[in-house]
Amino acid sequence: MSDPISWDAGLIRRYDKAGPLYTAYPPVAQYSDGILPNDLFAALRESGRLDRPLSLYIHIPFCANACHYCWCPRVITKDRSRAQPYLTALYREMELVARHLEGDQPVQRLHLGGGTPTFLGHADLTELMGRIRRHFHLHEDDNADYSVEVDPREADWSTLGLLRELGFNRVSLGVQDLDPEVQRAVNRLQSLEQTQAVMDAARALAYRSVSMDLMYGLPGQTGNSFAHTLERVLEMKPDRLTLHNYVHLPQLHASQRHIDESRLPSRDERLAIYAWSQCQLLQAGYRYIGMGQFALPDDDLSLARETGLMSRGLQGYVPGEQTDLLGFGMAAISQVGDLRCRNTGDVLEYQQSLARDRLPLRTGLRCTADDRLRSAVIQQLMCRFALRFSDIEKRFNIEFFAYFADCRAQLQQMHDDGLLQLGERGIQVLPAGKPLIARICMVFDAYQQVGNGNRYAHTL
């Protein structure tokens, strides 16, 4: 049975402030210069010594066309040959990293993202998976989570079939919106038939889960137009669906400068679209996972939500515990033990660095004891909608409200407003607080100044 969730427009308007989405803590915005390859090598050796399971993220940045809403690190080109020097660098990065691992750490999760991973041809995709298997210990029993992002405009049955043969068992489809007017406004023309064809292929090829991404707040979007999109999507019945909030920050993302701001829905219109969509998804039988993610009751993400055996990371919510993450490719992020590091986001710098046998690290940080503590608190709230003080106190040898004395007043106000239940033993997020879980987590964020719009946008 789905956890109850409610939408109080007054509370939403009052509490939904600019802030991080907490796919990582400390937030990536806090990374700075100073992390060296030797720092990562030492962390890798320690990870191997402890035989910690791994997650891999592989970034393929190429796109044939520019979607104006997109902020992902990418290279816009129709020249498929440009992938070759990038892949050469990518394979060298894997080799340099893997030689510092000890033992056969199992890869529990693999995600091929972008960009457009299917920009690569079949031969390159086959070579890529062969290189990954050469350097890392992949499961061969189809029980691990190996996912790939697919642009329905850049894939067909044969591509989906190849990816399934290569070991991928989850597929994520980018859709955003099916209304032609909205698609033209963001330069992403994608027909319902293209999306349906890829969905049919994924079903026929026995992918374990098919997820779909929609985006609200795009130019030209209305409540009626998005209702039509959601109706068509629900007919396709993806196993998972994520409603992304369009974040308009043209000062940071050049491609968004092509978007006519006068055509963006108002704040109230955006919230109305999300609220209505959430209601429709729940009525259609989806479970609310958190932060705009939904899943069917028999999907293992729903089961993980029910049991609390779930974690939140750079790919959103996933079943199972957190693992060390190795990111490969331009702008990819690695999280190994207490070390966080991010590659350069410049494709030429990335390739040139690896041509000199040097990892292309640009920024990062080392988590402090305080970071680890706050990260654990935020993870529990994000993944359980609850926090037991005793779990944190025993793990970190603290008295909860002696340590977080400065948080108590904000939590008490949220208690009084009906967002959460603050008791002697812990915190329980109430139905009205679940859409605002990121705002609740901000209370424990040592880096966050609520309302800082320079780096963040509204979470809803």
Protein backbone atom coordinates (compact mmCIF):
# COMPACT_ATOMS: atom_id res chain seq x y z
CA MET A 1 0.00 0.00 0.00
CA SER A 2 1.34 3.43 -0.91
CA ASP A 3 2.61 5.71 1.82
CA PRO A 4 0.23 8.65 2.29
CA ILE A 5 1.31 11.97 0.83
CA SER A 6 -0.57 15.24 0.80
CA TRP A 7 -0.16 18.57 -0.98
CA ASP A 8 -0.72 21.73 1.02
CA ALA A 9 -0.25 24.63 -1.40
CA GLY A 10 0.22 27.14 1.41
CA LEU A 11 2.98 25.13 3.05
CA ILE A 12 4.59 24.45 -0.33
CA ARG A 13 4.76 28.16 -1.16
CA ARG A 14 6.15 28.97 2.28
CA TYR A 15 8.75 26.24 2.56
CA ASP A 16 9.92 25.43 -0.96
CA LYS A 17 13.15 27.41 -1.11
CA ALA A 18 16.20 27.19 -3.34
CA GLY A 19 18.51 24.39 -2.33
CA PRO A 20 20.23 21.10 -3.24
CA LEU A 21 18.45 17.90 -4.25
CA TYR A 22 20.72 15.87 -1.93
CA THR A 23 21.94 13.32 -4.42
CA ALA A 24 25.19 13.82 -2.54
CA TYR A 25 26.35 15.43 0.69
CA PRO A 26 28.32 17.62 0.84
CA PRO A 27 26.71 19.06 -2.30
CA VAL A 28 28.87 19.16 -5.42
CA ALA A 29 28.77 22.96 -5.30
CA GLN A 30 31.13 22.73 -2.31
CA TYR A 31 33.90 20.97 -4.25
CA SER A 32 37.11 22.95 -4.72
CA ASP A 33 40.58 22.58 -6.24
CA GLY A 34 43.31 20.61 -4.53
CA ILE A 35 42.38 16.93 -5.00
CA LEU A 36 45.23 15.01 -6.67
CA PRO A 37 45.36 11.64 -8.47
CA ASN A 38 47.35 10.17 -5.57
CA ASP A 39 44.47 11.04 -3.25
CA LEU A 40 42.14 8.94 -5.37
CA PHE A 41 44.66 6.11 -5.71
CA ALA A 42 45.00 5.87 -1.93
CA ALA A 43 41.22 5.83 -1.51
CA LEU A 44 40.92 3.11 -4.16
CA ARG A 45 43.45 0.90 -2.43
CA GLU A 46 41.58 1.28 0.86
CA SER A 47 38.29 0.46 -0.87
CA GLY A 48 39.85 -2.67 -2.34
CA ARG A 49 41.39 -3.69 0.98
CA LEU A 50 37.97 -3.49 2.62
CA ASP A 51 36.39 -5.26 -0.40
CA ARG A 52 33.62 -2.68 -0.65
CA PRO A 53 31.16 -3.18 -3.52
CA LEU A 54 31.29 -0.69 -6.37
CA SER A 55 29.03 1.35 -8.57
CA LEU A 56 30.27 2.59 -11.96
CA TYR A 57 29.07 5.62 -13.86
CA ILE A 58 30.21 6.07 -17.48
CA HIS A 59 29.56 9.44 -19.10
CA ILE A 60 29.07 9.59 -22.88
CA PRO A 61 28.71 13.34 -23.56
CA PHE A 62 27.77 13.40 -27.24
CA CYS A 63 24.39 14.58 -28.56
CA ALA A 64 23.43 15.08 -32.18
CA ASN A 65 21.11 17.96 -31.24
CA ALA A 66 21.00 20.43 -28.36
CA CYS A 67 17.97 20.30 -26.05
CA HIS A 68 17.69 23.86 -24.77
CA TYR A 69 16.61 22.88 -21.24
CA CYS A 70 19.57 20.60 -20.64
CA TRP A 71 22.36 21.43 -18.18
CA CYS A 72 24.27 18.13 -18.45
CA PRO A 73 27.94 18.23 -19.56
CA ARG A 74 27.74 17.45 -23.28
CA VAL A 75 29.27 17.86 -26.71
CA ILE A 76 26.87 18.77 -29.54
CA THR A 77 27.95 17.24 -32.85
CA LYS A 78 26.63 15.13 -35.70
CA ASP A 79 30.14 13.86 -36.42
CA ARG A 80 30.15 10.33 -34.96
CA SER A 81 33.91 10.05 -35.43
CA ARG A 82 34.43 12.51 -32.59
CA ALA A 83 33.63 9.70 -30.18
CA GLN A 84 36.86 7.83 -30.99
CA PRO A 85 39.43 10.04 -29.23
CA TYR A 86 37.04 10.34 -26.31
CA LEU A 87 36.68 6.55 -26.02
CA THR A 88 40.44 6.15 -26.20
CA ALA A 89 40.76 8.51 -23.23
CA LEU A 90 37.90 6.78 -21.41
CA TYR A 91 39.57 3.37 -21.72
CA ARG A 92 42.85 4.81 -20.46
CA GLU A 93 41.07 6.32 -17.45
CA MET A 94 39.55 2.93 -16.59
CA GLU A 95 42.96 1.29 -16.84
CA LEU A 96 44.65 3.87 -14.61
CA VAL A 97 41.94 3.57 -11.96
CA ALA A 98 41.54 -0.22 -12.02
CA ARG A 99 45.24 -0.90 -11.43
CA HIS A 100 44.86 0.63 -7.94
CA LEU A 101 41.99 -1.63 -6.91
CA GLU A 102 42.81 -4.71 -4.89
CA GLY A 103 40.76 -7.89 -5.16
CA ASP A 104 37.57 -8.51 -7.10
CA GLN A 105 35.13 -5.93 -5.78
CA PRO A 106 31.72 -6.72 -7.28
CA VAL A 107 30.05 -4.04 -9.38
CA GLN A 108 26.56 -3.80 -7.91
CA ARG A 109 25.41 -0.96 -10.16
CA LEU A 110 26.47 0.29 -13.57
CA HIS A 111 24.96 3.32 -15.27
CA LEU A 112 25.73 4.45 -18.79
CA GLY A 113 24.61 8.06 -19.05
CA GLY A 114 25.08 11.25 -21.00
CA GLY A 115 24.66 13.03 -23.23
CA THR A 116 23.32 10.30 -25.46
CA PRO A 117 24.96 6.89 -24.88
CA THR A 118 23.32 5.51 -28.03
CA PHE A 119 25.22 8.14 -30.01
CA LEU A 120 27.79 5.32 -30.08
CA GLY A 121 27.46 2.67 -32.78
CA HIS A 122 27.04 -1.02 -32.05
CA ALA A 123 30.74 -1.80 -32.41
CA ASP A 124 31.70 0.96 -29.97
CA LEU A 125 29.07 -0.09 -27.43
CA THR A 126 30.35 -3.67 -27.62
CA GLU A 127 33.95 -2.53 -27.20
CA LEU A 128 33.00 -0.30 -24.27
CA MET A 129 31.35 -3.12 -22.35
CA GLY A 130 34.27 -5.39 -23.15
CA ARG A 131 36.68 -2.85 -21.64
CA ILE A 132 34.53 -2.48 -18.54
CA ARG A 133 34.50 -6.25 -18.06
CA ARG A 134 38.25 -6.39 -18.55
CA HIS A 135 38.90 -3.99 -15.69
CA PHE A 136 36.01 -4.59 -13.28
CA HIS A 137 34.17 -7.54 -11.78
CA LEU A 138 30.69 -7.45 -13.33
CA HIS A 139 27.93 -9.84 -12.32
CA GLU A 140 26.90 -12.29 -15.03
CA ASP A 141 23.64 -13.48 -13.44
CA ASP A 142 21.46 -10.45 -14.33
CA ASN A 143 20.78 -9.73 -10.66
CA ALA A 144 22.83 -6.54 -10.40
CA ASP A 145 21.42 -3.20 -11.61
CA TYR A 146 22.98 -2.24 -14.96
CA SER A 147 21.13 0.66 -16.54
CA VAL A 148 21.46 2.78 -19.67
CA GLU A 149 19.91 6.09 -20.70
CA VAL A 150 18.22 5.91 -24.09
CA ASP A 151 17.04 8.73 -26.33
CA PRO A 152 14.11 7.24 -28.31
CA ARG A 153 15.25 9.28 -31.31
CA GLU A 154 18.64 7.54 -31.25
CA ALA A 155 17.66 3.89 -30.69
CA ASP A 156 15.73 1.06 -32.30
CA TRP A 157 14.98 -2.60 -31.64
CA SER A 158 18.44 -3.72 -32.72
CA THR A 159 20.15 -1.23 -30.39
CA LEU A 160 17.96 -2.25 -27.45
CA GLY A 161 18.65 -5.90 -28.29
CA LEU A 162 22.40 -5.33 -28.35
CA LEU A 163 22.34 -3.47 -25.02
CA ARG A 164 20.38 -6.34 -23.45
CA GLU A 165 22.91 -8.87 -24.76
CA LEU A 166 25.74 -6.74 -23.35
CA GLY A 167 24.27 -7.08 -19.85
CA PHE A 168 22.04 -4.04 -19.37
CA ASN A 169 18.79 -4.90 -17.61
CA ARG A 170 17.31 -1.47 -16.94
CA VAL A 171 16.60 1.29 -19.40
CA SER A 172 15.75 4.94 -18.80
CA LEU A 173 13.91 6.84 -21.51
CA GLY A 174 14.15 10.60 -21.86
CA VAL A 175 10.77 12.03 -22.87
CA GLN A 176 10.24 15.35 -21.00
CA ASP A 177 7.02 16.28 -22.85
CA LEU A 178 5.00 14.92 -25.78
CA ASP A 179 3.37 18.19 -26.80
CA PRO A 180 4.80 19.34 -30.18
CA GLU A 181 4.65 23.03 -29.24
CA VAL A 182 6.65 22.45 -26.07
CA GLN A 183 9.08 20.21 -27.95
CA ARG A 184 9.73 22.94 -30.51
CA ALA A 185 10.32 25.48 -27.74
CA VAL A 186 13.08 23.31 -26.23
CA ASN A 187 14.42 21.90 -29.55
CA ARG A 188 13.54 18.29 -28.78
CA LEU A 189 11.19 16.89 -31.42
CA GLN A 190 10.25 13.37 -30.37
CA SER A 191 7.08 11.65 -31.48
CA LEU A 192 4.87 9.43 -29.38
CA GLU A 193 5.49 6.67 -31.92
CA GLN A 194 9.27 6.83 -31.38
CA THR A 195 8.84 6.58 -27.63
CA GLN A 196 6.30 3.77 -27.90
CA ALA A 197 8.56 1.77 -30.23
CA VAL A 198 11.46 1.85 -27.77
CA MET A 199 9.13 1.02 -24.88
CA ASP A 200 7.77 -1.98 -26.82
CA ALA A 201 11.28 -3.15 -27.59
CA ALA A 202 12.35 -2.92 -23.96
CA ARG A 203 9.33 -4.95 -22.87
CA ALA A 204 9.83 -7.60 -25.52
CA LEU A 205 13.52 -7.91 -24.67
CA ALA A 206 12.73 -8.51 -20.98
CA TYR A 207 14.41 -5.50 -19.43
CA ARG A 208 13.71 -5.76 -15.72
CA SER A 209 12.64 -2.15 -15.41
CA VAL A 210 11.80 0.69 -17.78
CA SER A 211 11.85 4.21 -16.37
CA MET A 212 10.74 7.42 -17.99
CA ASP A 213 11.64 11.06 -17.35
CA LEU A 214 9.16 13.91 -17.68
CA MET A 215 9.85 17.59 -17.04
CA TYR A 216 7.43 20.23 -15.82
CA GLY A 217 7.89 23.99 -16.05
CA LEU A 218 9.00 24.02 -19.70
CA PRO A 219 8.11 26.92 -22.05
CA GLY A 220 4.64 26.66 -23.56
CA GLN A 221 3.54 24.06 -21.04
CA THR A 222 0.04 24.32 -19.57
CA GLY A 223 -1.91 22.17 -17.19
CA ASN A 224 -3.99 20.82 -20.08
CA SER A 225 -1.02 20.08 -22.33
CA PHE A 226 0.89 18.25 -19.61
CA ALA A 227 -2.23 16.32 -18.67
CA HIS A 228 -2.35 15.01 -22.24
CA THR A 229 1.35 14.00 -22.04
CA LEU A 230 0.85 12.22 -18.73
CA GLU A 231 -2.21 10.41 -20.06
CA ARG A 232 -0.20 9.00 -22.98
CA VAL A 233 2.68 8.06 -20.67
CA LEU A 234 0.40 6.23 -18.25
CA GLU A 235 -0.94 4.20 -21.17
CA MET A 236 2.65 3.00 -21.74
CA LYS A 237 2.94 2.21 -18.00
CA PRO A 238 6.66 2.57 -17.30
CA ASP A 239 7.85 0.77 -14.18
CA ARG A 240 9.34 4.01 -12.84
CA LEU A 241 8.63 7.61 -13.63
CA THR A 242 10.39 10.78 -12.52
CA LEU A 243 8.91 14.28 -12.65
CA HIS A 244 11.82 16.68 -13.02
CA ASN A 245 11.52 20.35 -12.20
CA TYR A 246 12.89 22.47 -15.03
CA VAL A 247 15.56 24.68 -13.47
CA HIS A 248 16.01 27.87 -15.49
CA LEU A 249 19.49 29.22 -14.79
CA PRO A 250 20.62 30.78 -18.09
CA GLN A 251 23.46 32.59 -16.32
CA LEU A 252 25.01 29.17 -15.67
CA HIS A 253 23.80 27.13 -18.65
CA ALA A 254 24.28 28.76 -22.04
CA SER A 255 21.81 26.52 -23.89
CA GLN A 256 18.97 27.81 -21.72
CA ARG A 257 19.48 31.29 -23.16
CA HIS A 258 17.59 30.04 -26.23
CA ILE A 259 14.46 29.67 -24.10
CA ASP A 260 11.93 32.50 -24.14
CA GLU A 261 11.43 33.26 -20.44
CA SER A 262 8.09 34.94 -21.16
CA ARG A 263 6.71 31.52 -22.17
CA LEU A 264 7.70 29.77 -18.95
CA PRO A 265 4.76 28.80 -16.70
CA SER A 266 4.38 30.91 -13.58
CA ARG A 267 5.45 29.52 -10.21
CA ASP A 268 1.85 28.73 -9.29
CA GLU A 269 1.23 27.08 -12.68
CA ARG A 270 4.31 24.88 -12.26
CA LEU A 271 3.25 23.78 -8.80
CA ALA A 272 -0.29 23.09 -10.03
CA ILE A 273 1.09 20.88 -12.83
CA TYR A 274 3.22 18.92 -10.36
CA ALA A 275 0.42 18.58 -7.79
CA TRP A 276 -2.07 17.32 -10.39
CA SER A 277 0.49 14.93 -11.89
CA GLN A 278 1.35 13.52 -8.48
CA CYS A 279 -2.33 12.88 -7.80
CA GLN A 280 -2.80 11.14 -11.16
CA LEU A 281 0.23 8.91 -10.63
CA LEU A 282 -0.96 7.83 -7.20
CA GLN A 283 -4.44 7.12 -8.57
CA ALA A 284 -2.84 5.05 -11.34
CA GLY A 285 -1.23 2.84 -8.71
CA TYR A 286 2.28 4.26 -8.55
CA ARG A 287 4.06 4.58 -5.22
CA TYR A 288 5.73 7.83 -4.26
CA ILE A 289 9.43 7.19 -3.68
CA GLY A 290 10.51 10.78 -3.07
CA MET A 291 11.85 13.86 -4.86
CA GLY A 292 9.57 13.44 -7.85
CA GLN A 293 10.28 9.70 -8.31
CA PHE A 294 7.44 7.17 -8.56
CA ALA A 295 7.38 3.41 -9.13
CA LEU A 296 4.84 0.65 -9.63
CA PRO A 297 4.18 -1.47 -6.52
CA ASP A 298 5.98 -4.56 -7.87
CA ASP A 299 9.11 -2.66 -8.91
CA ASP A 300 12.03 -3.32 -6.59
CA LEU A 301 12.37 0.39 -5.90
CA SER A 302 8.90 0.35 -4.33
CA LEU A 303 9.88 -2.69 -2.31
CA ALA A 304 13.03 -0.92 -1.20
CA ARG A 305 11.00 2.10 -0.09
CA GLU A 306 8.71 -0.19 1.90
CA THR A 307 11.56 -1.96 3.68
CA GLY A 308 13.84 1.06 4.03
CA LEU A 309 16.60 -0.78 2.13
CA MET A 310 17.23 2.07 -0.25
CA SER A 311 19.85 4.77 -0.79
CA ARG A 312 20.04 8.05 -2.65
CA GLY A 313 22.96 9.03 -4.84
CA LEU A 314 23.88 10.79 -8.05
CA GLN A 315 21.41 8.61 -10.03
CA GLY A 316 18.59 9.36 -7.60
CA TYR A 317 16.98 6.69 -5.45
CA VAL A 318 18.22 3.12 -5.91
CA PRO A 319 17.49 -0.15 -4.09
CA GLY A 320 20.19 -1.32 -1.68
CA GLU A 321 22.90 0.33 0.32
CA GLN A 322 25.37 2.98 -0.76
CA THR A 323 28.55 1.78 -2.43
CA ASP A 324 31.77 3.40 -3.51
CA LEU A 325 31.16 5.12 -6.84
CA LEU A 326 33.69 5.36 -9.66
CA GLY A 327 32.83 7.92 -12.32
CA PHE A 328 34.49 7.83 -15.76
CA GLY A 329 34.34 10.47 -18.48
CA MET A 330 34.26 14.25 -18.61
CA ALA A 331 32.62 15.84 -15.53
CA ALA A 332 32.09 12.41 -13.94
CA ILE A 333 32.09 12.25 -10.14
CA SER A 334 33.69 9.59 -7.94
CA GLN A 335 32.87 8.99 -4.30
CA VAL A 336 35.30 6.59 -2.65
CA GLY A 337 35.28 6.39 1.12
CA ASP A 338 35.61 9.94 2.39
CA LEU A 339 36.98 11.25 -0.91
CA ARG A 340 34.85 13.11 -3.45
CA CYS A 341 36.32 14.16 -6.78
CA ARG A 342 35.10 15.39 -10.14
CA ASN A 343 36.70 15.26 -13.57
CA THR A 344 37.13 18.29 -15.77
CA GLY A 345 34.06 19.18 -17.80
CA ASP A 346 36.11 20.23 -20.85
CA VAL A 347 36.31 17.40 -23.37
CA LEU A 348 39.66 18.48 -24.88
CA GLU A 349 41.26 18.91 -21.46
CA TYR A 350 39.89 15.50 -20.48
CA GLN A 351 41.42 13.81 -23.54
CA GLN A 352 44.73 15.66 -23.30
CA SER A 353 45.16 14.84 -19.63
CA LEU A 354 44.70 11.12 -20.21
CA ALA A 355 46.98 11.22 -23.26
CA ARG A 356 49.65 12.18 -20.70
CA ASP A 357 48.56 9.30 -18.42
CA ARG A 358 47.20 11.69 -15.82
CA LEU A 359 43.72 11.48 -14.31
CA PRO A 360 41.63 14.50 -15.34
CA LEU A 361 40.58 15.50 -11.82
CA ARG A 362 39.41 19.09 -11.43
CA THR A 363 37.67 19.52 -8.06
CA GLY A 364 36.73 17.57 -4.96
CA LEU A 365 36.87 17.40 -1.19
CA ARG A 366 37.53 15.11 1.75
CA CYS A 367 34.57 14.51 4.00
CA THR A 368 35.06 15.56 7.59
CA ALA A 369 33.59 13.76 10.59
CA ASP A 370 30.84 16.40 10.58
CA ASP A 371 30.15 15.72 6.87
CA ARG A 372 29.78 11.99 7.52
CA LEU A 373 27.39 12.60 10.39
CA ARG A 374 25.19 15.04 8.49
CA SER A 375 25.22 12.83 5.40
CA ALA A 376 23.90 9.90 7.47
CA VAL A 377 21.10 12.07 8.88
CA ILE A 378 20.11 13.31 5.43
CA GLN A 379 20.22 9.80 3.95
CA GLN A 380 17.89 8.45 6.63
CA LEU A 381 15.40 11.25 6.11
CA MET A 382 15.55 10.99 2.32
CA CYS A 383 15.22 7.21 2.22
CA ARG A 384 12.94 6.47 5.19
CA PHE A 385 11.02 9.70 5.74
CA ALA A 386 12.05 9.10 9.32
CA LEU A 387 15.04 9.41 11.62
CA ARG A 388 15.77 7.54 14.85
CA PHE A 389 18.05 9.55 17.07
CA SER A 390 19.47 6.40 18.68
CA ASP A 391 20.78 5.14 15.31
CA ILE A 392 22.80 8.32 14.84
CA GLU A 393 23.87 8.55 18.47
CA LYS A 394 25.25 5.00 18.57
CA ARG A 395 26.94 5.24 15.20
CA PHE A 396 28.64 8.59 15.83
CA ASN A 397 28.87 8.61 19.63
CA ILE A 398 26.97 11.86 20.10
CA GLU A 399 23.91 13.14 21.91
CA PHE A 400 21.67 14.18 19.05
CA PHE A 401 20.30 17.51 20.23
CA ALA A 402 23.47 18.48 22.00
CA TYR A 403 25.17 18.25 18.61
CA PHE A 404 22.29 19.69 16.57
CA ALA A 405 21.12 22.28 19.09
CA ASP A 406 20.94 24.96 16.39
CA CYS A 407 18.49 22.82 14.37
CA ARG A 408 15.87 22.36 17.06
CA ALA A 409 13.97 25.63 16.56
CA GLN A 410 13.49 25.02 12.82
CA LEU A 411 12.39 21.44 13.43
CA GLN A 412 9.94 22.58 16.09
CA GLN A 413 8.45 25.10 13.65
CA MET A 414 8.07 22.35 11.04
CA HIS A 415 6.43 20.19 13.73
CA ASP A 416 4.00 23.01 14.55
CA ASP A 417 3.23 23.47 10.84
CA GLY A 418 2.48 19.78 10.32
CA LEU A 419 5.45 18.84 8.14
CA LEU A 420 6.90 16.38 10.62
CA GLN A 421 6.41 14.81 14.02
CA LEU A 422 9.28 15.73 16.36
CA GLY A 423 9.44 13.37 19.30
CA GLU A 424 11.87 12.34 21.99
CA ARG A 425 13.07 9.35 19.96
CA GLY A 426 13.16 10.77 16.49
CA ILE A 427 11.56 12.49 13.54
CA GLN A 428 8.71 11.17 11.41
CA VAL A 429 7.96 13.07 8.20
CA LEU A 430 4.21 13.55 7.82
CA PRO A 431 2.28 13.37 4.53
CA ALA A 432 2.40 17.16 4.08
CA GLY A 433 6.18 17.11 4.58
CA LYS A 434 7.04 14.42 2.03
CA PRO A 435 6.97 16.75 -1.01
CA LEU A 436 9.25 19.06 1.01
CA ILE A 437 11.75 16.46 2.17
CA ALA A 438 14.68 18.36 0.63
CA ARG A 439 13.67 21.46 2.57
CA ILE A 440 13.56 19.43 5.79
CA CYS A 441 17.04 18.08 5.07
CA MET A 442 18.34 21.62 4.61
CA VAL A 443 17.97 22.07 8.36
CA PHE A 444 20.93 19.70 8.80
CA ASP A 445 23.03 21.06 5.93
CA ALA A 446 26.02 22.93 7.34
CA TYR A 447 26.76 24.49 3.93
CA GLN A 448 23.30 25.63 2.94
CA GLN A 449 22.00 29.14 3.31
CA VAL A 450 18.29 28.73 2.65
CA GLY A 451 17.13 30.89 -0.23
CA ASN A 452 20.54 31.20 -1.87
CA GLY A 453 19.52 31.45 -5.52
CA ASN A 454 22.99 31.81 -6.97
CA ARG A 455 23.75 28.07 -7.07
CA TYR A 456 20.38 26.43 -6.61
CA ALA A 457 16.80 26.66 -7.75
CA HIS A 458 13.54 25.65 -6.09
CA THR A 459 13.33 21.90 -5.48
CA LEU A 460 9.69 21.81 -6.66
